[in-house]
Amino acid sequence: MRSLKNQIKPVEFYFNLTNKEAKILETINDDQLTINDIMNRIGYSYSSLMGHIRELKSEGILSSVKSGRHYYYSISNPLVSALLT
């Protein structure tokens, strides 16, 4: 099990999100979405979106699962999920 410090770090990062990162998290929320799904819902370019996705993954907020040719992104931290509801 992850230590409390490791669980809280993404929550601290959550409070410093850019508007785009917040919009990405609100779009994904309790779902698993591909990059194309997210792009279609919020209209960001692929390159802009991937930069934010990489940042959110590196901070432990998002995770991805590969299925076939696609990666599905979801919120990996339950504390961040709770903040979105």
C-alpha atoms as a PDB file:
ATOM      1  CA  MET A   1       0.000   0.000   0.000  1.00  0.00           C
ATOM      2  CA  ARG A   2       1.234   3.466  -0.836  1.00  0.00           C
ATOM      3  CA  SER A   3       2.289   5.657   2.057  1.00  0.00           C
ATOM      4  CA  LEU A   4       0.095   8.571   3.050  1.00  0.00           C
ATOM      5  CA  LYS A   5       2.740  11.002   1.760  1.00  0.00           C
ATOM      6  CA  ASN A   6       2.618   9.345  -1.691  1.00  0.00           C
ATOM      7  CA  GLN A   7      -1.185   9.526  -1.693  1.00  0.00           C
ATOM      8  CA  ILE A   8      -1.271  13.196  -0.729  1.00  0.00           C
ATOM      9  CA  LYS A   9       1.345  14.403  -3.253  1.00  0.00           C
ATOM     10  CA  PRO A  10      -1.116  14.127  -6.188  1.00  0.00           C
ATOM     11  CA  VAL A  11      -3.737  15.977  -4.137  1.00  0.00           C
ATOM     12  CA  GLU A  12      -1.288  18.827  -3.542  1.00  0.00           C
ATOM     13  CA  PHE A  13      -0.577  18.876  -7.282  1.00  0.00           C
ATOM     14  CA  TYR A  14      -4.352  18.907  -7.926  1.00  0.00           C
ATOM     15  CA  PHE A  15      -4.654  22.303  -6.271  1.00  0.00           C
ATOM     16  CA  ASN A  16      -2.034  23.744  -8.631  1.00  0.00           C
ATOM     17  CA  LEU A  17      -3.542  22.450 -11.875  1.00  0.00           C
ATOM     18  CA  THR A  18      -3.747  24.557 -14.983  1.00  0.00           C
ATOM     19  CA  ASN A  19      -7.220  25.155 -16.410  1.00  0.00           C
ATOM     20  CA  LYS A  20      -6.508  22.630 -19.171  1.00  0.00           C
ATOM     21  CA  GLU A  21      -5.404  19.946 -16.704  1.00  0.00           C
ATOM     22  CA  ALA A  22      -8.494  20.535 -14.571  1.00  0.00           C
ATOM     23  CA  LYS A  23     -10.694  20.258 -17.681  1.00  0.00           C
ATOM     24  CA  ILE A  24      -9.000  16.964 -18.630  1.00  0.00           C
ATOM     25  CA  LEU A  25      -9.637  15.501 -15.170  1.00  0.00           C
ATOM     26  CA  GLU A  26     -13.254  16.685 -15.167  1.00  0.00           C
ATOM     27  CA  THR A  27     -13.717  15.067 -18.581  1.00  0.00           C
ATOM     28  CA  ILE A  28     -12.218  11.733 -17.535  1.00  0.00           C
ATOM     29  CA  ASN A  29     -13.680  11.748 -13.994  1.00  0.00           C
ATOM     30  CA  ASP A  30     -14.911   8.174 -13.317  1.00  0.00           C
ATOM     31  CA  ASP A  31     -14.423   6.991 -16.899  1.00  0.00           C
ATOM     32  CA  GLN A  32     -11.654   5.396 -18.956  1.00  0.00           C
ATOM     33  CA  LEU A  33     -11.071   7.413 -22.106  1.00  0.00           C
ATOM     34  CA  THR A  34      -8.677   7.349 -25.044  1.00  0.00           C
ATOM     35  CA  ILE A  35      -6.857  10.452 -26.245  1.00  0.00           C
ATOM     36  CA  ASN A  36      -9.327  10.688 -29.143  1.00  0.00           C
ATOM     37  CA  ASP A  37     -12.271  10.522 -26.721  1.00  0.00           C
ATOM     38  CA  ILE A  38     -10.807  13.346 -24.655  1.00  0.00           C
ATOM     39  CA  MET A  39      -9.934  15.419 -27.744  1.00  0.00           C
ATOM     40  CA  ASN A  40     -13.482  15.073 -29.092  1.00  0.00           C
ATOM     41  CA  ARG A  41     -15.022  16.131 -25.787  1.00  0.00           C
ATOM     42  CA  ILE A  42     -12.855  19.159 -25.006  1.00  0.00           C
ATOM     43  CA  GLY A  43     -11.319  20.151 -28.332  1.00  0.00           C
ATOM     44  CA  TYR A  44      -7.634  20.383 -27.402  1.00  0.00           C
ATOM     45  CA  SER A  45      -5.004  19.493 -29.983  1.00  0.00           C
ATOM     46  CA  TYR A  46      -3.240  16.143 -29.710  1.00  0.00           C
ATOM     47  CA  SER A  47       0.147  17.663 -28.834  1.00  0.00           C
ATOM     48  CA  SER A  48      -1.292  19.967 -26.167  1.00  0.00           C
ATOM     49  CA  LEU A  49      -3.347  17.178 -24.660  1.00  0.00           C
ATOM     50  CA  MET A  50      -0.445  14.696 -24.567  1.00  0.00           C
ATOM     51  CA  GLY A  51       1.782  17.187 -22.760  1.00  0.00           C
ATOM     52  CA  HIS A  52      -0.811  17.573 -20.016  1.00  0.00           C
ATOM     53  CA  ILE A  53      -1.500  13.821 -19.891  1.00  0.00           C
ATOM     54  CA  ARG A  54       2.229  13.121 -19.414  1.00  0.00           C
ATOM     55  CA  GLU A  55       2.385  15.646 -16.583  1.00  0.00           C
ATOM     56  CA  LEU A  56      -0.701  14.217 -14.863  1.00  0.00           C
ATOM     57  CA  LYS A  57       0.704  10.688 -15.182  1.00  0.00           C
ATOM     58  CA  SER A  58       4.108  11.699 -13.804  1.00  0.00           C
ATOM     59  CA  GLU A  59       2.386  13.212 -10.755  1.00  0.00           C
ATOM     60  CA  GLY A  60       0.443  10.009 -10.065  1.00  0.00           C
ATOM     61  CA  ILE A  61      -2.958  11.466 -10.897  1.00  0.00           C
ATOM     62  CA  LEU A  62      -3.629   9.543 -14.123  1.00  0.00           C
ATOM     63  CA  SER A  63      -2.868   6.002 -15.142  1.00  0.00           C
ATOM     64  CA  SER A  64      -3.211   4.247 -18.472  1.00  0.00           C
ATOM     65  CA  VAL A  65      -4.059   0.772 -19.655  1.00  0.00           C
ATOM     66  CA  LYS A  66      -3.301  -0.454 -23.162  1.00  0.00           C
ATOM     67  CA  SER A  67      -6.044  -2.382 -24.928  1.00  0.00           C
ATOM     68  CA  GLY A  68      -5.336  -3.271 -28.536  1.00  0.00           C
ATOM     69  CA  ARG A  69      -3.953  -0.177 -30.241  1.00  0.00           C
ATOM     70  CA  HIS A  70      -5.345   2.295 -27.719  1.00  0.00           C
ATOM     71  CA  TYR A  71      -4.395   3.552 -24.295  1.00  0.00           C
ATOM     72  CA  TYR A  72      -7.246   4.243 -21.902  1.00  0.00           C
ATOM     73  CA  TYR A  73      -6.647   6.932 -19.301  1.00  0.00           C
ATOM     74  CA  SER A  74      -8.293   7.083 -15.906  1.00  0.00           C
ATOM     75  CA  ILE A  75      -7.797   8.867 -12.600  1.00  0.00           C
ATOM     76  CA  SER A  76      -5.581   6.671 -10.470  1.00  0.00           C
ATOM     77  CA  ASN A  77      -5.764   8.476  -7.154  1.00  0.00           C
ATOM     78  CA  PRO A  78      -9.000   8.021  -5.172  1.00  0.00           C
ATOM     79  CA  LEU A  79      -8.421  11.265  -3.256  1.00  0.00           C
ATOM     80  CA  VAL A  80      -8.316  13.236  -6.519  1.00  0.00           C
ATOM     81  CA  SER A  81     -11.449  11.418  -7.721  1.00  0.00           C
ATOM     82  CA  ALA A  82     -13.215  12.434  -4.521  1.00  0.00           C
ATOM     83  CA  LEU A  83     -12.287  16.086  -5.103  1.00  0.00           C
ATOM     84  CA  LEU A  84     -13.948  15.970  -8.527  1.00  0.00           C
ATOM     85  CA  THR A  85     -17.327  14.872  -7.187  1.00  0.00           C
END
